């Protein structure tokens, strides 16, 4: 989720300075997705704190990114392919865009 938020914020900036004729629909969609992602990030952070869990991003060698998971005194190191992280990020961005558009349909 932090990666999604970072990407959406950067994209919002690009659209704001870009030469789009109609920026508002794109900015609204990004803002809606950001709101959903931030809300989920907040809920996840609360869950992790309540359960004394930590997820720490460690090393990134360009191909893999390592994360450290801590829970009840145990530590688990895992490496994920960056391409897999990117693909999952794209997938989740789509989910947040759908949540935003579904919210529009409900309010109409």
N, C-alpha and C. Protein backbone atom coordinates (compact mmCIF):
# COMPACT_ATOMS: atom_id res chain seq x y z
N UNK A 1 0.80 -1.20 0.00
CA UNK A 1 0.00 0.00 0.00
C UNK A 1 0.85 1.27 0.00
N UNK A 2 1.96 1.31 0.75
CA UNK A 2 2.78 2.53 0.67
C UNK A 2 3.26 2.80 -0.76
N UNK A 3 3.57 1.74 -1.49
CA UNK A 3 4.03 1.91 -2.86
C UNK A 3 2.89 2.46 -3.73
N UNK A 4 1.69 1.97 -3.52
CA UNK A 4 0.53 2.43 -4.29
C UNK A 4 0.30 3.91 -4.02
N UNK A 5 0.34 4.30 -2.75
CA UNK A 5 0.13 5.70 -2.38
C UNK A 5 1.19 6.59 -3.02
N UNK A 6 2.43 6.15 -2.97
CA UNK A 6 3.52 6.93 -3.56
C UNK A 6 3.33 7.10 -5.07
N UNK A 7 2.96 6.05 -5.74
CA UNK A 7 2.76 6.10 -7.20
C UNK A 7 1.59 7.00 -7.55
N UNK A 8 0.47 6.85 -6.83
CA UNK A 8 -0.70 7.67 -7.12
C UNK A 8 -0.41 9.15 -6.87
N UNK A 9 0.32 9.46 -5.81
CA UNK A 9 0.67 10.86 -5.53
C UNK A 9 1.55 11.42 -6.64
N UNK A 10 2.50 10.64 -7.12
CA UNK A 10 3.37 11.08 -8.21
C UNK A 10 2.56 11.27 -9.49
N UNK A 11 1.67 10.33 -9.78
CA UNK A 11 0.83 10.44 -10.98
C UNK A 11 -0.08 11.66 -10.91
N UNK A 12 -0.62 11.94 -9.72
CA UNK A 12 -1.46 13.12 -9.55
C UNK A 12 -0.67 14.39 -9.91
N UNK A 13 0.56 14.46 -9.45
CA UNK A 13 1.41 15.60 -9.77
C UNK A 13 1.67 15.72 -11.26
N UNK A 14 1.88 14.59 -11.92
CA UNK A 14 2.12 14.60 -13.36
C UNK A 14 0.89 15.09 -14.12
N UNK A 15 -0.28 14.67 -13.67
CA UNK A 15 -1.51 15.10 -14.34
C UNK A 15 -1.74 16.59 -14.09
N UNK A 16 -1.47 17.06 -12.89
CA UNK A 16 -1.65 18.48 -12.57
C UNK A 16 -0.80 19.38 -13.45
N UNK A 17 0.42 18.96 -13.78
CA UNK A 17 1.28 19.79 -14.62
C UNK A 17 1.19 19.41 -16.10
N UNK A 18 0.49 18.33 -16.40
CA UNK A 18 0.38 17.86 -17.77
C UNK A 18 -0.55 18.71 -18.61
N UNK A 19 -0.59 18.41 -19.90
CA UNK A 19 -1.39 19.19 -20.84
C UNK A 19 -2.71 18.49 -21.16
N UNK A 20 -3.37 17.96 -20.14
CA UNK A 20 -4.68 17.36 -20.33
C UNK A 20 -5.72 18.46 -20.52
N UNK A 21 -6.65 18.22 -21.41
CA UNK A 21 -7.73 19.20 -21.59
C UNK A 21 -8.70 19.15 -20.42
N UNK A 22 -9.00 17.96 -19.96
CA UNK A 22 -9.92 17.76 -18.85
C UNK A 22 -9.21 17.00 -17.74
N UNK A 23 -8.61 17.70 -16.83
CA UNK A 23 -7.82 17.08 -15.77
C UNK A 23 -8.69 16.55 -14.63
N UNK A 24 -9.80 17.23 -14.37
CA UNK A 24 -10.59 16.92 -13.19
C UNK A 24 -11.02 15.46 -13.09
N UNK A 25 -11.53 14.83 -14.14
CA UNK A 25 -11.93 13.42 -13.98
C UNK A 25 -10.78 12.51 -13.58
N UNK A 26 -9.60 12.76 -14.13
CA UNK A 26 -8.43 11.95 -13.78
C UNK A 26 -7.99 12.21 -12.35
N UNK A 27 -7.96 13.49 -11.98
CA UNK A 27 -7.57 13.85 -10.62
C UNK A 27 -8.56 13.31 -9.61
N UNK A 28 -9.86 13.37 -9.94
CA UNK A 28 -10.88 12.82 -9.04
C UNK A 28 -10.70 11.32 -8.84
N UNK A 29 -10.40 10.61 -9.93
CA UNK A 29 -10.21 9.17 -9.83
C UNK A 29 -8.99 8.84 -8.98
N UNK A 30 -7.92 9.57 -9.19
CA UNK A 30 -6.70 9.33 -8.40
C UNK A 30 -6.95 9.68 -6.94
N UNK A 31 -7.63 10.79 -6.68
CA UNK A 31 -7.94 11.18 -5.29
C UNK A 31 -8.81 10.12 -4.61
N UNK A 32 -9.79 9.59 -5.33
CA UNK A 32 -10.64 8.54 -4.77
C UNK A 32 -9.86 7.29 -4.45
N UNK A 33 -8.97 6.91 -5.36
CA UNK A 33 -8.13 5.73 -5.14
C UNK A 33 -7.17 5.98 -3.97
N UNK A 34 -6.62 7.19 -3.90
CA UNK A 34 -5.73 7.53 -2.78
C UNK A 34 -6.47 7.47 -1.45
N UNK A 35 -7.67 7.96 -1.44
CA UNK A 35 -8.46 7.93 -0.20
C UNK A 35 -8.70 6.49 0.25
N UNK A 36 -9.06 5.63 -0.69
CA UNK A 36 -9.29 4.21 -0.36
C UNK A 36 -8.00 3.55 0.11
N UNK A 37 -6.89 3.82 -0.58
CA UNK A 37 -5.60 3.21 -0.21
C UNK A 37 -5.14 3.70 1.16
N UNK A 38 -5.29 4.99 1.42
CA UNK A 38 -4.88 5.53 2.72
C UNK A 38 -5.73 4.96 3.85
N UNK A 39 -7.03 4.81 3.59
CA UNK A 39 -7.92 4.23 4.60
C UNK A 39 -7.51 2.79 4.91
N UNK A 40 -7.23 2.02 3.86
CA UNK A 40 -6.81 0.63 4.08
C UNK A 40 -5.45 0.58 4.78
N UNK A 41 -4.56 1.50 4.43
CA UNK A 41 -3.25 1.55 5.08
C UNK A 41 -3.42 1.85 6.56
N UNK A 42 -4.32 2.76 6.89
CA UNK A 42 -4.58 3.10 8.29
C UNK A 42 -5.11 1.89 9.04
N UNK A 43 -6.06 1.17 8.44
CA UNK A 43 -6.62 -0.03 9.07
C UNK A 43 -5.56 -1.11 9.26
N UNK A 44 -4.69 -1.26 8.27
CA UNK A 44 -3.62 -2.25 8.35
C UNK A 44 -2.63 -1.89 9.46
N UNK A 45 -2.29 -0.61 9.55
CA UNK A 45 -1.37 -0.15 10.59
C UNK A 45 -1.95 -0.40 11.97
N UNK A 46 -3.23 -0.14 12.15
CA UNK A 46 -3.90 -0.39 13.43
C UNK A 46 -3.85 -1.88 13.75
N UNK A 47 -4.15 -2.72 12.77
CA UNK A 47 -4.12 -4.17 12.97
C UNK A 47 -2.73 -4.64 13.38
N UNK A 48 -1.71 -4.16 12.67
CA UNK A 48 -0.34 -4.56 12.98
C UNK A 48 0.05 -4.15 14.40
N UNK A 49 -0.31 -2.92 14.80
CA UNK A 49 0.03 -2.45 16.14
C UNK A 49 -0.69 -3.26 17.21
N UNK A 50 -1.97 -3.52 16.99
CA UNK A 50 -2.74 -4.29 17.97
C UNK A 50 -2.20 -5.69 18.17
N UNK A 51 -1.62 -6.25 17.13
CA UNK A 51 -1.11 -7.61 17.19
C UNK A 51 0.41 -7.67 17.33
N UNK A 52 1.02 -6.55 17.68
CA UNK A 52 2.47 -6.47 17.87
C UNK A 52 3.24 -7.06 16.70
N UNK A 53 2.87 -6.64 15.50
CA UNK A 53 3.51 -7.12 14.28
C UNK A 53 4.23 -5.96 13.60
N UNK A 54 5.33 -6.27 12.92
CA UNK A 54 6.08 -5.29 12.14
C UNK A 54 6.43 -5.86 10.79
N UNK A 55 6.39 -5.00 9.78
CA UNK A 55 6.89 -5.34 8.45
C UNK A 55 7.88 -4.25 8.09
N UNK A 56 9.12 -4.66 7.84
CA UNK A 56 10.18 -3.70 7.57
C UNK A 56 10.80 -4.02 6.22
N UNK A 57 10.80 -3.01 5.35
CA UNK A 57 11.44 -3.16 4.05
C UNK A 57 12.94 -3.07 4.25
N UNK A 58 13.65 -4.07 3.75
CA UNK A 58 15.09 -4.13 3.96
C UNK A 58 15.84 -3.79 2.68
N UNK A 59 16.46 -4.76 2.09
CA UNK A 59 17.35 -4.55 0.94
C UNK A 59 16.60 -4.62 -0.38
N UNK A 60 17.07 -3.83 -1.34
CA UNK A 60 16.57 -3.89 -2.70
C UNK A 60 17.78 -3.90 -3.61
N UNK A 61 18.01 -5.04 -4.27
CA UNK A 61 19.19 -5.16 -5.14
C UNK A 61 18.87 -4.92 -6.61
N UNK A 62 17.67 -4.43 -6.91
CA UNK A 62 17.28 -4.20 -8.29
C UNK A 62 16.44 -5.33 -8.85
N UNK A 63 16.65 -6.54 -8.38
CA UNK A 63 15.88 -7.69 -8.83
C UNK A 63 14.93 -8.17 -7.73
N UNK A 64 15.42 -8.17 -6.52
CA UNK A 64 14.63 -8.62 -5.37
C UNK A 64 14.55 -7.51 -4.31
N UNK A 65 13.47 -7.52 -3.55
CA UNK A 65 13.35 -6.67 -2.37
C UNK A 65 13.10 -7.59 -1.19
N UNK A 66 13.86 -7.36 -0.12
CA UNK A 66 13.74 -8.19 1.08
C UNK A 66 12.92 -7.46 2.14
N UNK A 67 12.04 -8.20 2.78
CA UNK A 67 11.22 -7.68 3.88
C UNK A 67 11.48 -8.52 5.12
N UNK A 68 11.41 -7.86 6.27
CA UNK A 68 11.53 -8.52 7.56
C UNK A 68 10.16 -8.46 8.23
N UNK A 69 9.62 -9.62 8.58
CA UNK A 69 8.35 -9.72 9.28
C UNK A 69 8.65 -10.12 10.71
N UNK A 70 8.10 -9.36 11.66
CA UNK A 70 8.29 -9.66 13.08
C UNK A 70 6.93 -9.87 13.73
N UNK A 71 6.85 -10.98 14.50
CA UNK A 71 5.59 -11.31 15.18
C UNK A 71 5.88 -12.19 16.38
N UNK A 72 5.48 -11.72 17.54
CA UNK A 72 5.63 -12.47 18.80
C UNK A 72 7.05 -13.00 19.00
N UNK A 73 8.03 -12.17 18.76
CA UNK A 73 9.42 -12.56 18.98
C UNK A 73 10.05 -13.32 17.83
N UNK A 74 9.28 -13.68 16.83
CA UNK A 74 9.82 -14.39 15.68
C UNK A 74 10.11 -13.41 14.56
N UNK A 75 11.13 -13.74 13.79
CA UNK A 75 11.48 -12.94 12.62
C UNK A 75 11.51 -13.83 11.40
N UNK A 76 11.02 -13.29 10.31
CA UNK A 76 11.01 -14.03 9.06
C UNK A 76 11.47 -13.08 7.96
N UNK A 77 12.53 -13.47 7.26
CA UNK A 77 13.06 -12.68 6.15
C UNK A 77 12.53 -13.30 4.86
N UNK A 78 11.97 -12.46 4.00
CA UNK A 78 11.46 -12.94 2.72
C UNK A 78 11.92 -12.02 1.61
N UNK A 79 12.23 -12.63 0.46
CA UNK A 79 12.60 -11.87 -0.73
C UNK A 79 11.50 -12.03 -1.77
N UNK A 80 11.17 -10.91 -2.39
CA UNK A 80 10.16 -10.91 -3.44
C UNK A 80 10.76 -10.31 -4.70
N UNK A 81 10.42 -10.92 -5.84
CA UNK A 81 10.85 -10.38 -7.12
C UNK A 81 10.22 -9.01 -7.32
N UNK A 82 11.02 -8.04 -7.73
CA UNK A 82 10.49 -6.70 -7.93
C UNK A 82 9.41 -6.67 -9.01
N UNK A 83 9.54 -7.49 -10.03
CA UNK A 83 8.52 -7.53 -11.08
C UNK A 83 7.19 -8.03 -10.51
N UNK A 84 7.27 -8.97 -9.59
CA UNK A 84 6.05 -9.47 -8.94
C UNK A 84 5.42 -8.39 -8.07
N UNK A 85 6.26 -7.63 -7.35
CA UNK A 85 5.74 -6.52 -6.54
C UNK A 85 5.09 -5.46 -7.44
N UNK A 86 5.72 -5.18 -8.57
CA UNK A 86 5.15 -4.20 -9.50
C UNK A 86 3.80 -4.67 -10.04
N UNK A 87 3.74 -5.94 -10.44
CA UNK A 87 2.49 -6.48 -10.97
C UNK A 87 1.38 -6.46 -9.93
N UNK A 88 1.72 -6.79 -8.70
CA UNK A 88 0.72 -6.78 -7.62
C UNK A 88 0.27 -5.34 -7.32
N UNK A 89 1.20 -4.40 -7.40
CA UNK A 89 0.87 -3.00 -7.20
C UNK A 89 -0.11 -2.53 -8.27
N UNK A 90 0.14 -2.89 -9.53
CA UNK A 90 -0.78 -2.53 -10.62
C UNK A 90 -2.16 -3.14 -10.39
N UNK A 91 -2.17 -4.38 -9.96
CA UNK A 91 -3.43 -5.07 -9.69
C UNK A 91 -4.22 -4.35 -8.59
N UNK A 92 -3.55 -4.00 -7.52
CA UNK A 92 -4.22 -3.31 -6.41
C UNK A 92 -4.67 -1.91 -6.79
N UNK A 93 -3.90 -1.22 -7.63
CA UNK A 93 -4.33 0.10 -8.10
C UNK A 93 -5.66 -0.03 -8.84
N UNK A 94 -5.79 -1.07 -9.65
CA UNK A 94 -7.05 -1.33 -10.34
C UNK A 94 -8.19 -1.54 -9.37
N UNK A 95 -7.91 -2.24 -8.28
CA UNK A 95 -8.93 -2.47 -7.24
C UNK A 95 -9.37 -1.14 -6.64
N UNK A 96 -8.43 -0.26 -6.34
CA UNK A 96 -8.78 1.03 -5.75
C UNK A 96 -9.54 1.91 -6.73
N UNK A 97 -9.20 1.84 -8.02
CA UNK A 97 -9.96 2.60 -9.01
C UNK A 97 -11.39 2.08 -9.11
N UNK A 98 -11.55 0.77 -9.04
CA UNK A 98 -12.90 0.18 -9.08
C UNK A 98 -13.68 0.61 -7.85
N UNK A 99 -13.06 0.59 -6.68
CA UNK A 99 -13.74 1.04 -5.46
C UNK A 99 -14.22 2.47 -5.62
N UNK A 100 -13.40 3.31 -6.22
CA UNK A 100 -13.78 4.71 -6.43
C UNK A 100 -14.98 4.81 -7.38
N UNK A 101 -14.91 4.10 -8.50
CA UNK A 101 -15.99 4.20 -9.47
C UNK A 101 -17.28 3.56 -8.94
N UNK A 102 -17.16 2.49 -8.17
CA UNK A 102 -18.36 1.90 -7.56
C UNK A 102 -18.99 2.88 -6.58
N UNK A 103 -18.17 3.63 -5.87
CA UNK A 103 -18.67 4.64 -4.95
C UNK A 103 -19.44 5.73 -5.69
N UNK A 104 -18.98 6.05 -6.90
CA UNK A 104 -19.71 7.05 -7.71
C UNK A 104 -21.08 6.54 -8.11
N UNK A 105 -21.12 5.26 -8.50
CA UNK A 105 -22.39 4.67 -8.94
C UNK A 105 -23.41 4.62 -7.81
N UNK A 106 -22.93 4.36 -6.60
CA UNK A 106 -23.82 4.28 -5.45
C UNK A 106 -24.42 5.65 -5.14
N UNK A 107 -23.63 6.71 -5.34
CA UNK A 107 -24.07 8.06 -5.00
C UNK A 107 -24.92 8.72 -6.07
N UNK A 108 -25.01 8.13 -7.24
CA UNK A 108 -25.80 8.75 -8.32
C UNK A 108 -27.27 8.56 -8.13
